């Protein structure tokens, strides 16, 4: 098990029990679970989660996730369709444009 995952699980356990997340408490949980991590990991996770409400973070993790990519996907599809229409209007062979830029393979 990676150190990051072990510390994440320990922080989730502490949050679920309503206990403040600290480096010492994460280290104690990891020691009780017989998981060895570098000594800086518990303090690092505690510092990162110091001003976070982990329960709220978990419960709001899926809100709005589907809206962003769906909207971006629709915009990308619309842009691709417009690009395809423009290509239909201007039929130009790729060899001519390559020659114009000095990339002629056969010349």
Protein backbone atom coordinates (compact mmCIF):
# COMPACT_ATOMS: atom_id res chain seq x y z
CA UNK A 1 0.00 0.00 0.00
CA UNK A 2 1.34 3.42 -0.87
CA UNK A 3 1.97 5.96 1.84
CA UNK A 4 -0.42 8.45 0.23
CA UNK A 5 -3.26 5.95 0.16
CA UNK A 6 -2.63 4.85 3.74
CA UNK A 7 -2.68 8.46 4.98
CA UNK A 8 -5.83 9.15 2.97
CA UNK A 9 -7.61 6.20 4.54
CA UNK A 10 -6.45 7.25 8.00
CA UNK A 11 -7.72 10.80 7.44
CA UNK A 12 -11.07 9.44 6.23
CA UNK A 13 -11.35 7.25 9.31
CA UNK A 14 -10.64 10.18 11.60
CA UNK A 15 -13.13 12.36 9.76
CA UNK A 16 -15.80 9.67 9.85
CA UNK A 17 -15.36 9.36 13.62
CA UNK A 18 -15.61 13.14 14.03
CA UNK A 19 -12.04 13.43 15.31
CA UNK A 20 -9.82 16.37 14.36
CA UNK A 21 -7.24 15.33 11.78
CA UNK A 22 -3.68 15.77 13.02
CA UNK A 23 -0.34 14.29 12.08
CA UNK A 24 -0.08 12.46 15.40
CA UNK A 25 -3.52 10.89 15.04
CA UNK A 26 -2.85 9.79 11.46
CA UNK A 27 0.49 8.31 12.58
CA UNK A 28 -1.22 6.50 15.47
CA UNK A 29 -3.81 4.97 13.16
CA UNK A 30 -1.15 3.86 10.73
CA UNK A 31 0.91 2.34 13.54
CA UNK A 32 -2.15 0.49 14.85
CA UNK A 33 -2.78 -0.85 11.34
CA UNK A 34 0.87 -1.92 11.13
CA UNK A 35 1.48 0.31 8.08
CA UNK A 36 4.94 1.82 7.76
CA UNK A 37 5.23 5.20 6.02
CA UNK A 38 7.89 7.86 5.96
CA UNK A 39 7.48 10.12 9.01
CA UNK A 40 6.68 13.25 6.97
CA UNK A 41 3.49 11.84 5.36
CA UNK A 42 1.09 12.13 8.34
CA UNK A 43 2.09 15.75 8.99
CA UNK A 44 1.84 16.57 5.31
CA UNK A 45 -1.70 15.21 5.06
CA UNK A 46 -2.75 16.87 8.32
CA UNK A 47 -1.42 20.20 7.06
CA UNK A 48 -3.20 19.82 3.73
CA UNK A 49 -6.50 19.00 5.42
CA UNK A 50 -6.19 21.54 8.24
CA UNK A 51 -8.72 24.00 6.80
CA UNK A 52 -10.88 21.45 4.97
CA UNK A 53 -14.12 19.89 6.06
CA UNK A 54 -13.42 16.38 4.77
CA UNK A 55 -17.01 15.21 5.23
CA UNK A 56 -18.29 18.12 3.14
CA UNK A 57 -15.58 17.55 0.56
CA UNK A 58 -16.61 13.93 0.12
CA UNK A 59 -20.33 14.65 -0.02
CA UNK A 60 -19.87 17.40 -2.65
CA UNK A 61 -17.39 15.52 -4.80
CA UNK A 62 -19.93 14.59 -7.46
CA UNK A 63 -21.94 17.79 -7.60
CA UNK A 64 -21.44 19.43 -10.96
CA UNK A 65 -18.91 16.92 -12.23
CA UNK A 66 -21.09 15.83 -15.15
CA UNK A 67 -22.06 19.35 -16.20
CA UNK A 68 -18.57 20.63 -17.04
CA UNK A 69 -17.36 17.89 -19.37
CA UNK A 70 -20.76 17.52 -21.03
CA UNK A 71 -20.88 21.21 -21.86
CA UNK A 72 -17.30 21.18 -23.07
CA UNK A 73 -17.96 18.09 -25.13
CA UNK A 74 -20.96 19.73 -26.76
CA UNK A 75 -18.96 22.83 -27.58
CA UNK A 76 -16.15 20.75 -29.00
CA UNK A 77 -18.57 18.78 -31.14
CA UNK A 78 -20.18 21.99 -32.39
CA UNK A 79 -16.80 23.44 -33.21
CA UNK A 80 -15.79 20.28 -35.04
CA UNK A 81 -18.98 20.38 -37.10
CA UNK A 82 -18.31 23.99 -38.08
CA UNK A 83 -14.75 23.10 -38.99
CA UNK A 84 -16.01 20.25 -41.20
CA UNK A 85 -18.37 22.64 -43.02
CA UNK A 86 -15.51 25.03 -43.70
CA UNK A 87 -13.43 22.17 -45.10
CA UNK A 88 -16.27 21.26 -47.45
CA UNK A 89 -16.39 24.83 -48.75
CA UNK A 90 -12.66 24.99 -49.50
CA UNK A 91 -11.46 21.81 -51.16
CA UNK A 92 -7.69 22.09 -51.17
CA UNK A 93 -5.26 19.25 -51.60
CA UNK A 94 -2.80 18.74 -48.82
CA UNK A 95 0.13 18.51 -51.25
CA UNK A 96 -0.47 22.05 -52.49
CA UNK A 97 -0.46 23.47 -48.97
CA UNK A 98 2.63 21.42 -48.11
CA UNK A 99 4.43 22.74 -51.17
CA UNK A 100 3.51 26.30 -50.18
CA UNK A 101 5.22 25.82 -46.81
CA UNK A 102 8.30 24.10 -48.27
CA UNK A 103 7.40 20.58 -47.12
CA UNK A 104 7.13 18.97 -50.54
CA UNK A 105 8.12 15.31 -50.13
CA UNK A 106 8.40 14.57 -53.85
CA UNK A 107 9.89 17.76 -55.18
